[in-house]
N, C-alpha and C. Protein backbone atom coordinates (compact mmCIF):
# COMPACT_ATOMS: atom_id res chain seq x y z
N UNK A 1 9.67 15.28 25.22
CA UNK A 1 9.28 16.07 24.10
C UNK A 1 7.85 16.72 24.47
N UNK A 2 7.07 16.18 25.30
CA UNK A 2 6.10 16.82 25.61
C UNK A 2 6.26 17.98 26.50
N UNK A 3 7.36 17.63 27.76
CA UNK A 3 7.84 19.01 28.26
C UNK A 3 8.28 20.26 27.28
N UNK A 4 9.00 19.92 26.19
CA UNK A 4 9.32 21.07 25.24
C UNK A 4 8.12 21.67 24.63
N UNK A 5 7.21 20.82 24.55
CA UNK A 5 6.01 21.48 23.69
C UNK A 5 5.24 22.43 24.64
N UNK A 6 5.35 22.28 26.10
CA UNK A 6 4.71 22.69 26.98
C UNK A 6 5.61 24.15 27.41
N UNK A 7 6.65 24.25 26.85
CA UNK A 7 7.34 25.57 27.28
C UNK A 7 6.89 26.73 26.45
N UNK A 8 6.14 26.25 25.47
CA UNK A 8 5.73 27.41 24.61
C UNK A 8 6.54 27.59 23.20
N UNK A 9 7.90 27.11 22.99
CA UNK A 9 8.36 27.10 22.01
C UNK A 9 7.84 26.81 20.63
N UNK A 10 7.53 27.54 19.69
CA UNK A 10 6.74 27.49 18.61
C UNK A 10 7.71 26.69 17.46
N UNK A 11 9.12 26.86 17.63
CA UNK A 11 9.94 26.17 16.87
C UNK A 11 9.92 24.67 17.15
N UNK A 12 10.14 24.31 18.27
CA UNK A 12 10.19 23.03 18.80
C UNK A 12 8.75 22.20 18.26
N UNK A 13 7.65 22.87 18.86
CA UNK A 13 6.42 22.16 18.33
C UNK A 13 6.38 21.98 16.75
N UNK A 14 6.81 22.92 15.79
CA UNK A 14 6.76 22.83 14.53
C UNK A 14 7.72 21.59 14.09
N UNK A 15 9.09 21.72 14.78
CA UNK A 15 10.03 20.70 14.47
C UNK A 15 9.56 19.12 14.75
N UNK A 16 8.74 19.11 16.04
CA UNK A 16 8.51 17.75 16.44
C UNK A 16 7.21 17.27 15.32
N UNK A 17 6.44 18.23 15.06
CA UNK A 17 5.42 17.87 14.14
C UNK A 17 5.88 17.36 12.83
N UNK A 18 6.90 18.02 12.33
CA UNK A 18 7.61 17.85 10.99
C UNK A 18 8.12 16.58 11.17
N UNK A 19 8.93 16.26 12.30
CA UNK A 19 9.49 14.81 12.29
C UNK A 19 8.57 13.74 12.46
N UNK A 20 7.63 13.78 13.21
CA UNK A 20 6.48 12.87 13.32
C UNK A 20 5.90 12.47 12.01
N UNK A 21 5.42 13.61 11.12
CA UNK A 21 4.76 13.62 9.81
C UNK A 21 5.82 12.96 9.02
N UNK A 22 7.03 13.28 9.15
CA UNK A 22 8.08 12.46 7.98
C UNK A 22 8.27 11.10 8.33
N UNK A 23 8.36 10.46 9.49
CA UNK A 23 8.37 9.32 9.82
C UNK A 23 7.12 8.48 9.13
N UNK A 24 6.02 9.27 9.61
CA UNK A 24 4.75 8.63 9.26
C UNK A 24 4.81 8.41 7.60
N UNK A 25 5.25 9.22 6.86
CA UNK A 25 5.47 9.19 5.50
C UNK A 25 6.37 8.08 4.93
N UNK A 26 7.52 8.18 5.77
CA UNK A 26 8.37 7.37 5.31
C UNK A 26 8.03 5.81 5.45
N UNK A 27 7.32 5.59 6.85
CA UNK A 27 7.18 4.04 7.38
C UNK A 27 5.96 3.61 6.23
N UNK A 28 4.74 4.56 6.14
CA UNK A 28 3.77 4.26 5.45
C UNK A 28 3.84 3.96 4.15
N UNK A 29 4.74 4.67 3.28
CA UNK A 29 4.80 4.66 1.95
C UNK A 29 5.38 3.30 1.53
N UNK A 30 5.45 2.32 2.28
CA UNK A 30 6.07 0.74 1.72
C UNK A 30 4.95 0.25 0.97
N UNK A 31 4.35 0.66 -0.05
CA UNK A 31 3.51 -0.30 -0.40
C UNK A 31 4.08 -1.53 -1.09
N UNK A 32 3.19 -2.41 -1.15
CA UNK A 32 3.71 -3.73 -1.81
C UNK A 32 4.10 -3.58 -3.46
N UNK A 33 4.86 -4.07 -3.94
CA UNK A 33 5.32 -4.14 -5.30
C UNK A 33 4.42 -5.00 -6.08
N UNK A 34 3.65 -4.43 -7.00
CA UNK A 34 2.80 -5.21 -7.80
C UNK A 34 3.13 -5.18 -9.63
N UNK A 35 4.63 -5.14 -9.42
CA UNK A 35 4.95 -4.97 -11.12
C UNK A 35 5.12 -6.42 -11.53
N UNK A 36 4.78 -6.68 -12.65
CA UNK A 36 4.99 -8.12 -13.22
C UNK A 36 6.56 -8.19 -13.47
N UNK A 37 7.39 -7.22 -13.16
CA UNK A 37 8.87 -7.23 -13.27
C UNK A 37 9.65 -7.87 -12.25
N UNK A 38 8.88 -7.75 -10.87
CA UNK A 38 9.53 -7.79 -9.83
C UNK A 38 9.27 -9.03 -9.20
N UNK A 39 10.29 -9.90 -8.85
CA UNK A 39 10.26 -11.35 -8.09
C UNK A 39 10.46 -11.15 -6.67
N UNK A 40 9.61 -12.12 -6.03
CA UNK A 40 10.02 -12.17 -4.48
C UNK A 40 11.38 -13.19 -4.55
N UNK A 41 12.17 -12.99 -3.60
CA UNK A 41 13.39 -13.97 -3.25
C UNK A 41 13.06 -15.39 -3.30
N UNK A 42 11.68 -15.50 -2.63
CA UNK A 42 11.23 -16.85 -2.67
C UNK A 42 10.80 -17.53 -3.87
N UNK A 43 10.73 -16.92 -4.96
CA UNK A 43 10.12 -17.28 -6.17
C UNK A 43 11.58 -17.69 -6.98
N UNK A 44 12.78 -17.19 -6.75
CA UNK A 44 13.77 -17.53 -7.37
C UNK A 44 14.00 -19.17 -7.28
N UNK A 45 14.23 -19.90 -8.68
CA UNK A 45 14.45 -21.10 -8.73
C UNK A 45 13.24 -21.97 -8.57
N UNK A 46 11.99 -21.35 -8.41
CA UNK A 46 10.77 -22.02 -8.37
C UNK A 46 10.30 -22.19 -9.82
N UNK A 47 9.53 -23.33 -10.16
CA UNK A 47 9.27 -23.77 -11.62
C UNK A 47 7.72 -23.00 -11.63
N UNK A 48 7.42 -22.45 -12.69
CA UNK A 48 6.25 -21.85 -12.67
C UNK A 48 5.63 -22.59 -13.82
N UNK A 49 4.21 -22.42 -14.35
CA UNK A 49 3.52 -23.05 -15.37
C UNK A 49 3.12 -21.75 -16.20
N UNK A 50 3.45 -21.80 -17.65
CA UNK A 50 3.22 -20.71 -18.51
C UNK A 50 2.45 -21.10 -19.58
N UNK A 51 1.50 -20.27 -19.78
CA UNK A 51 0.50 -20.54 -20.69
C UNK A 51 0.28 -19.38 -21.76
N UNK A 52 0.11 -20.20 -23.17
CA UNK A 52 -0.10 -18.94 -23.94
C UNK A 52 -1.57 -18.46 -24.10
N UNK A 53 -1.69 -17.24 -24.46
CA UNK A 53 -3.23 -16.59 -24.32
C UNK A 53 -3.13 -15.27 -25.08
N UNK A 54 -4.54 -14.68 -25.07
CA UNK A 54 -4.75 -13.42 -25.36
C UNK A 54 -5.39 -12.61 -24.60
N UNK A 55 -5.33 -11.29 -24.56
CA UNK A 55 -5.75 -10.16 -23.82
C UNK A 55 -7.34 -10.04 -24.81
N UNK A 56 -8.14 -10.21 -23.70
CA UNK A 56 -9.73 -10.04 -24.18
C UNK A 56 -10.04 -8.63 -23.58
N UNK A 57 -9.78 -8.18 -22.52
CA UNK A 57 -10.21 -6.96 -22.04
C UNK A 57 -8.97 -6.37 -20.76
N UNK A 58 -9.05 -5.13 -20.73
CA UNK A 58 -8.10 -4.34 -20.07
C UNK A 58 -8.95 -3.21 -19.34
N UNK A 59 -8.45 -2.95 -18.13
CA UNK A 59 -9.08 -1.75 -17.24
C UNK A 59 -8.31 -1.33 -16.14
N UNK A 60 -8.37 -0.22 -15.64
CA UNK A 60 -7.68 0.33 -14.53
C UNK A 60 -8.46 0.22 -13.47
N UNK A 61 -7.73 -0.47 -12.42
CA UNK A 61 -8.40 -0.75 -11.27
C UNK A 61 -7.29 -0.12 -10.13
N UNK A 62 -7.92 0.03 -8.62
CA UNK A 62 -6.84 0.19 -7.68
C UNK A 62 -6.65 -0.86 -6.59
N UNK A 63 -5.56 -0.94 -6.11
CA UNK A 63 -5.05 -2.10 -5.23
C UNK A 63 -4.88 -1.17 -4.00
N UNK A 64 -5.80 -1.65 -3.04
CA UNK A 64 -5.36 -1.23 -1.75
C UNK A 64 -5.56 -2.12 -0.52
N UNK A 65 -5.00 -1.94 0.48
CA UNK A 65 -5.14 -2.75 1.73
C UNK A 65 -6.49 -3.09 2.17
N UNK A 66 -6.92 -4.43 2.31
CA UNK A 66 -8.00 -4.95 2.42
C UNK A 66 -8.63 -4.50 3.80
N UNK A 67 -7.79 -4.64 4.79
CA UNK A 67 -8.14 -4.39 6.11
C UNK A 67 -7.73 -2.88 6.88
N UNK A 68 -8.50 -2.16 7.44
CA UNK A 68 -7.58 -0.98 7.91
C UNK A 68 -6.78 -1.24 9.19
N UNK A 69 -6.93 -2.45 9.87
CA UNK A 69 -6.05 -2.72 11.20
C UNK A 69 -5.02 -3.12 10.54
N UNK A 70 -4.42 -3.47 9.21
CA UNK A 70 -3.29 -3.78 8.88
C UNK A 70 -2.36 -2.51 8.61
N UNK A 71 -2.59 -1.67 8.67
CA UNK A 71 -1.61 -0.42 8.72
C UNK A 71 -1.30 0.08 10.07
N UNK A 72 -0.19 -0.62 10.70
CA UNK A 72 0.25 -0.64 11.83
C UNK A 72 0.91 0.51 12.15
N UNK A 73 1.97 0.89 11.00
CA UNK A 73 2.87 2.09 11.26
C UNK A 73 2.07 3.36 11.21
N UNK A 74 0.91 3.57 10.57
CA UNK A 74 0.25 4.88 10.46
C UNK A 74 -0.59 4.79 11.69
N UNK A 75 -1.25 3.56 12.37
CA UNK A 75 -1.85 3.83 13.42
C UNK A 75 -1.10 4.12 14.64
N UNK A 76 0.05 3.60 14.56
CA UNK A 76 1.01 3.74 15.68
C UNK A 76 1.65 5.29 15.79
N UNK A 77 2.06 5.65 14.62
CA UNK A 77 2.56 7.00 14.72
C UNK A 77 1.58 8.14 14.73
N UNK A 78 0.37 7.92 14.03
CA UNK A 78 -0.87 8.58 14.33
C UNK A 78 -1.27 8.98 15.66
N UNK A 79 -1.25 7.81 16.57
CA UNK A 79 -1.60 7.57 17.82
C UNK A 79 -0.72 8.50 18.80
N UNK A 80 0.43 8.33 18.54
CA UNK A 80 1.56 9.09 19.22
C UNK A 80 1.29 10.59 18.87
N UNK A 81 1.41 10.64 17.74
CA UNK A 81 1.30 12.37 17.53
C UNK A 81 0.08 12.99 18.06
N UNK A 82 -1.25 12.11 17.83
CA UNK A 82 -2.40 12.60 18.50
C UNK A 82 -2.50 12.80 19.80
N UNK A 83 -1.61 11.89 20.39
CA UNK A 83 -1.54 11.87 22.08
C UNK A 83 -0.68 13.27 22.41
N UNK A 84 0.35 13.43 21.61
CA UNK A 84 1.39 14.30 22.18
C UNK A 84 0.28 15.74 21.76
N UNK A 85 -0.30 16.00 20.78
CA UNK A 85 -1.03 16.88 20.42
C UNK A 85 -2.06 17.41 21.61
N UNK A 86 -2.97 16.11 21.69
CA UNK A 86 -3.91 16.40 22.61
C UNK A 86 -3.49 16.75 24.25
N UNK A 87 -2.16 16.37 24.54
CA UNK A 87 -1.72 16.54 25.67
C UNK A 87 -1.67 17.92 25.98
N UNK A 88 -1.46 18.73 24.83
CA UNK A 88 -1.37 20.22 25.14
C UNK A 88 -2.51 21.09 25.58
N UNK A 89 -3.51 20.31 25.79
CA UNK A 89 -4.88 20.94 26.18
C UNK A 89 -5.47 20.49 27.48
N UNK A 90 -6.15 21.27 28.11
CA UNK A 90 -6.74 20.78 29.53
C UNK A 90 -5.70 20.90 30.54
N UNK A 91 -6.41 20.41 31.83
CA UNK A 91 -5.49 20.33 32.97
C UNK A 91 -6.18 18.99 33.65
N UNK A 92 -5.51 18.23 34.60
CA UNK A 92 -5.96 17.30 35.60
C UNK A 92 -6.59 16.10 34.34
N UNK A 93 -7.94 15.80 34.81
CA UNK A 93 -8.52 14.80 34.12
C UNK A 93 -8.76 15.34 32.68
N UNK A 94 -9.08 16.58 32.81
CA UNK A 94 -9.26 17.02 31.00
C UNK A 94 -8.08 16.88 30.34
N UNK A 95 -7.00 17.25 30.86
CA UNK A 95 -5.79 16.79 30.14
C UNK A 95 -5.62 15.21 29.75
N UNK A 96 -6.10 14.41 30.61
CA UNK A 96 -5.71 13.01 30.49
C UNK A 96 -6.96 12.89 29.32
N UNK A 97 -8.20 13.13 29.32
CA UNK A 97 -9.25 13.06 28.29
C UNK A 97 -8.73 13.25 27.01
N UNK A 98 -8.29 14.72 26.84
CA UNK A 98 -7.52 15.24 25.62
C UNK A 98 -6.55 14.48 24.97
N UNK A 99 -5.80 13.86 25.91
CA UNK A 99 -4.42 13.02 25.35
C UNK A 99 -5.11 12.01 25.00
N UNK A 100 -5.87 11.13 25.37
CA UNK A 100 -6.47 9.70 25.08
C UNK A 100 -7.65 10.06 23.82
N UNK A 101 -8.21 11.32 23.81
CA UNK A 101 -8.84 11.58 22.56
C UNK A 101 -8.06 11.80 21.48
N UNK A 102 -6.99 12.56 21.62
CA UNK A 102 -6.03 12.93 20.46
C UNK A 102 -5.29 11.51 19.99
N UNK A 103 -5.01 10.67 21.10
CA UNK A 103 -4.33 9.29 20.60
C UNK A 103 -5.18 8.39 19.77
N UNK A 104 -6.39 8.55 20.17
CA UNK A 104 -7.58 7.73 19.56
C UNK A 104 -7.72 8.24 18.20
N UNK A 105 -8.05 9.48 18.10
CA UNK A 105 -8.27 10.24 16.72
C UNK A 105 -6.95 10.03 15.65
N UNK A 106 -5.95 10.45 16.48
CA UNK A 106 -4.62 10.48 15.68
C UNK A 106 -4.18 9.00 14.99
N UNK A 107 -4.58 7.93 15.94
CA UNK A 107 -4.49 6.58 15.49
C UNK A 107 -5.47 6.14 14.26
N UNK A 108 -6.66 6.77 14.27
CA UNK A 108 -7.63 6.36 12.99
C UNK A 108 -7.01 7.15 12.03
N UNK A 109 -6.88 8.58 12.20
CA UNK A 109 -6.11 9.26 10.78
C UNK A 109 -5.05 8.85 10.40
N UNK A 110 -3.96 8.38 11.07
CA UNK A 110 -2.84 7.51 10.61
C UNK A 110 -2.86 6.21 10.00
N UNK A 111 -4.17 5.49 10.40
CA UNK A 111 -4.46 4.33 9.60
C UNK A 111 -5.09 4.58 8.21
N UNK A 112 -5.95 5.64 8.06
CA UNK A 112 -6.56 5.99 6.95
C UNK A 112 -5.34 6.35 6.02
N UNK A 113 -4.55 7.48 6.79
CA UNK A 113 -3.38 7.81 5.60
C UNK A 113 -2.43 6.92 5.16
N UNK A 114 -2.05 5.87 6.15
CA UNK A 114 -1.31 4.80 5.66
C UNK A 114 -1.88 4.09 4.35
N UNK A 115 -3.29 3.75 4.60
CA UNK A 115 -4.04 3.10 3.70
C UNK A 115 -4.04 3.71 2.27
N UNK A 116 -4.22 5.11 2.41
CA UNK A 116 -4.24 5.91 1.18
C UNK A 116 -2.88 6.22 0.52
N UNK A 117 -1.87 5.99 1.23
CA UNK A 117 -0.41 6.10 0.73
C UNK A 117 0.07 4.64 0.21
N UNK A 118 -0.79 3.57 0.66
CA UNK A 118 -0.42 2.32 -0.11
C UNK A 118 -1.24 2.02 -1.36
N UNK A 119 -2.42 2.74 -1.42
CA UNK A 119 -3.12 2.58 -2.72
C UNK A 119 -2.59 2.71 -4.03
N UNK A 120 -2.69 1.71 -5.04
CA UNK A 120 -2.09 1.90 -5.96
C UNK A 120 -3.01 1.54 -7.34
N UNK A 121 -2.69 2.36 -8.40
CA UNK A 121 -3.39 2.05 -9.73
C UNK A 121 -2.68 0.62 -10.38
N UNK A 122 -3.55 -0.04 -10.79
CA UNK A 122 -3.16 -1.16 -11.61
C UNK A 122 -3.94 -1.36 -12.79
N UNK A 123 -3.51 -2.46 -13.54
CA UNK A 123 -4.30 -3.08 -14.64
C UNK A 123 -4.89 -4.42 -14.41
N UNK A 124 -6.04 -4.36 -14.46
CA UNK A 124 -6.96 -5.86 -14.61
C UNK A 124 -7.12 -6.26 -16.12
N UNK A 125 -6.52 -7.40 -16.35
CA UNK A 125 -6.59 -8.22 -17.48
C UNK A 125 -7.51 -9.56 -17.49
N UNK A 126 -8.38 -9.41 -18.50
CA UNK A 126 -9.06 -10.73 -18.62
C UNK A 126 -8.29 -11.39 -20.04
N UNK A 127 -7.98 -12.70 -19.62
CA UNK A 127 -7.09 -13.36 -20.65
C UNK A 127 -7.81 -14.65 -21.28
N UNK A 128 -7.77 -14.95 -22.44
CA UNK A 128 -8.37 -16.23 -22.96
C UNK A 128 -7.17 -17.01 -23.09
N UNK A 129 -7.13 -18.11 -22.62
CA UNK A 129 -6.12 -19.09 -22.97
C UNK A 129 -6.27 -19.75 -24.27
N UNK A 130 -5.13 -20.57 -24.70
CA UNK A 130 -5.58 -21.34 -25.99
C UNK A 130 -6.45 -22.44 -25.76
N UNK A 131 -6.75 -22.95 -24.65
CA UNK A 131 -7.55 -23.73 -24.48
C UNK A 131 -8.91 -23.49 -24.30
N UNK A 132 -9.40 -22.10 -24.34
CA UNK A 132 -10.68 -21.45 -24.09
C UNK A 132 -10.76 -20.85 -22.80
N UNK A 133 -10.08 -21.30 -21.91
CA UNK A 133 -10.32 -21.02 -20.48
C UNK A 133 -10.08 -19.52 -20.30
N UNK A 134 -10.86 -18.76 -19.57
CA UNK A 134 -10.84 -17.38 -19.16
C UNK A 134 -9.99 -17.21 -17.77
N UNK A 135 -8.95 -16.30 -17.66
CA UNK A 135 -8.27 -16.02 -16.44
C UNK A 135 -8.19 -14.65 -16.34
N UNK A 136 -8.43 -14.04 -15.01
CA UNK A 136 -8.23 -12.54 -14.68
C UNK A 136 -7.04 -12.53 -14.09
N UNK A 137 -6.17 -11.35 -14.24
CA UNK A 137 -5.00 -11.00 -13.63
C UNK A 137 -4.92 -9.75 -13.29
N UNK A 138 -4.57 -9.16 -12.07
CA UNK A 138 -4.22 -7.86 -11.74
C UNK A 138 -2.76 -7.71 -11.52
N UNK A 139 -2.31 -6.51 -12.21
CA UNK A 139 -0.85 -6.38 -11.96
C UNK A 139 -0.43 -4.82 -12.20
N UNK A 140 0.83 -4.58 -11.74
CA UNK A 140 1.31 -3.24 -11.84
C UNK A 140 1.15 -2.64 -13.25
N UNK A 141 1.34 -1.31 -13.52
CA UNK A 141 1.15 -0.48 -14.55
C UNK A 141 2.48 -0.44 -15.35
N UNK A 142 3.30 -1.43 -15.11
CA UNK A 142 4.68 -1.13 -15.88
C UNK A 142 4.60 -1.34 -17.31
N UNK A 143 3.78 -2.07 -17.88
CA UNK A 143 3.49 -2.30 -19.17
C UNK A 143 1.98 -2.45 -19.49
N UNK A 144 1.47 -1.92 -20.44
CA UNK A 144 -0.01 -2.04 -20.79
C UNK A 144 0.10 -3.05 -22.13
N UNK A 145 -0.93 -4.12 -21.82
CA UNK A 145 -1.39 -4.75 -22.81
C UNK A 145 -2.66 -4.48 -23.30
N UNK A 146 -2.84 -4.88 -24.76
CA UNK A 146 -4.10 -4.25 -25.27
C UNK A 146 -4.93 -5.40 -25.74
N UNK A 147 -6.08 -5.31 -25.75
CA UNK A 147 -7.13 -6.42 -26.23
C UNK A 147 -6.66 -6.79 -27.75
N UNK A 148 -6.47 -8.16 -27.82
CA UNK A 148 -5.93 -8.93 -29.08
C UNK A 148 -4.40 -9.15 -29.05
N UNK A 149 -3.84 -8.57 -27.86
CA UNK A 149 -2.44 -9.05 -28.07
C UNK A 149 -2.07 -10.35 -27.41
N UNK A 150 -1.05 -10.86 -28.07
CA UNK A 150 -0.52 -12.30 -27.33
C UNK A 150 0.23 -12.03 -26.30
N UNK A 151 0.07 -12.90 -25.19
CA UNK A 151 0.85 -12.81 -24.11
C UNK A 151 0.92 -14.28 -23.57
N UNK A 152 1.91 -14.24 -22.39
CA UNK A 152 2.33 -15.49 -21.65
C UNK A 152 1.70 -15.28 -20.51
N UNK A 153 0.85 -16.28 -19.72
CA UNK A 153 0.31 -16.11 -18.31
C UNK A 153 1.30 -16.97 -17.43
N UNK A 154 1.95 -16.37 -16.67
CA UNK A 154 2.93 -17.29 -15.90
C UNK A 154 2.17 -17.62 -14.45
N UNK A 155 2.06 -18.63 -14.04
CA UNK A 155 1.46 -19.07 -12.63
C UNK A 155 2.48 -19.62 -11.94
N UNK A 156 3.06 -19.11 -10.73
CA UNK A 156 3.91 -19.45 -9.78
C UNK A 156 3.28 -20.70 -9.01
N UNK A 157 4.16 -21.39 -8.32
CA UNK A 157 3.79 -22.42 -7.30
C UNK A 157 2.76 -21.81 -6.29
N UNK A 158 3.21 -20.68 -5.70
CA UNK A 158 2.31 -19.94 -4.69
C UNK A 158 0.82 -19.37 -5.40
N UNK A 159 0.71 -19.32 -6.78
CA UNK A 159 -0.23 -19.07 -7.35
C UNK A 159 -0.38 -17.62 -7.77
N UNK A 160 1.07 -16.76 -7.53
CA UNK A 160 1.02 -15.72 -8.10
C UNK A 160 1.12 -15.65 -9.50
N UNK A 161 0.23 -14.80 -10.11
CA UNK A 161 0.14 -14.84 -11.49
C UNK A 161 0.85 -13.46 -12.35
N UNK A 162 1.34 -13.52 -13.20
CA UNK A 162 1.93 -12.25 -14.16
C UNK A 162 1.60 -12.56 -15.37
N UNK A 163 1.55 -11.34 -16.15
CA UNK A 163 1.50 -11.61 -17.70
C UNK A 163 2.69 -10.79 -18.24
N UNK A 164 3.07 -11.33 -19.43
CA UNK A 164 4.20 -10.78 -19.94
C UNK A 164 4.08 -10.85 -21.64
N UNK A 165 4.50 -10.08 -22.41
CA UNK A 165 4.44 -10.12 -23.48
C UNK A 165 4.91 -11.40 -24.36
N UNK A 166 4.36 -12.03 -25.39
CA UNK A 166 4.59 -13.21 -26.19
C UNK A 166 5.38 -12.66 -27.24
N UNK A 167 6.64 -12.70 -27.16
CA UNK A 167 7.61 -12.33 -28.07
C UNK A 167 8.37 -13.57 -29.12
N UNK A 168 7.64 -14.73 -28.76
CA UNK A 168 8.17 -16.03 -29.41
C UNK A 168 7.97 -16.04 -30.64
N UNK A 169 6.89 -15.51 -31.32
CA UNK A 169 7.02 -15.34 -32.83
C UNK A 169 6.20 -16.71 -33.44
N UNK A 170 5.79 -17.26 -32.27
CA UNK A 170 4.84 -18.54 -32.88
C UNK A 170 3.72 -18.79 -32.14
C-alpha cells in the first residue's frame, strides 16, 4: 500500500484514503443501543422488579463514551491512516519522524472521531415512585414521556433500568 502511494498515482492514494475512512466509519459507528425497547440476550428469562411511578421531569442529555482510550477501532484505524500519510514525507530519519508523527496524530484524531460517532442524544427522566422515592433513568429517545405521565420503572437483576408507559389502567 505504501509503495503504491509513493508511485505518485493520485487515484490509488484517493482510493486508499476512501477505504481507510470507510472502515473507520463502519467500525466506529457501533454505538451502544440505549433504547428502552432493546434487551440484551443475557436479560432474556431474567426476573425484573417493576415499580409504578410518575414522570416528574424530563430533559435531553448526551450519552458518550466515558474514556477516550476505549475507542480502540478509531485509534487503530486513525493511527494506520496517519502513519501511511506521514510516510509520504521526508527521507531517512525525517521519513521515520513523519511516519511516527502521522501515526500519533492519526490515532488521536481517530479516537476523537470514534467518540463523536458513538455520542447519542437521550432523555433523562426523574421518576417519583408510589412510595415517594425518586429515581433518575437515562434512556434512548424511542419514546418520550411527559411530566405527570404514569409509567412503569423496570429494574433488571444487573441494575439496568428502563421506563415504559403504564397502560394498565389502574
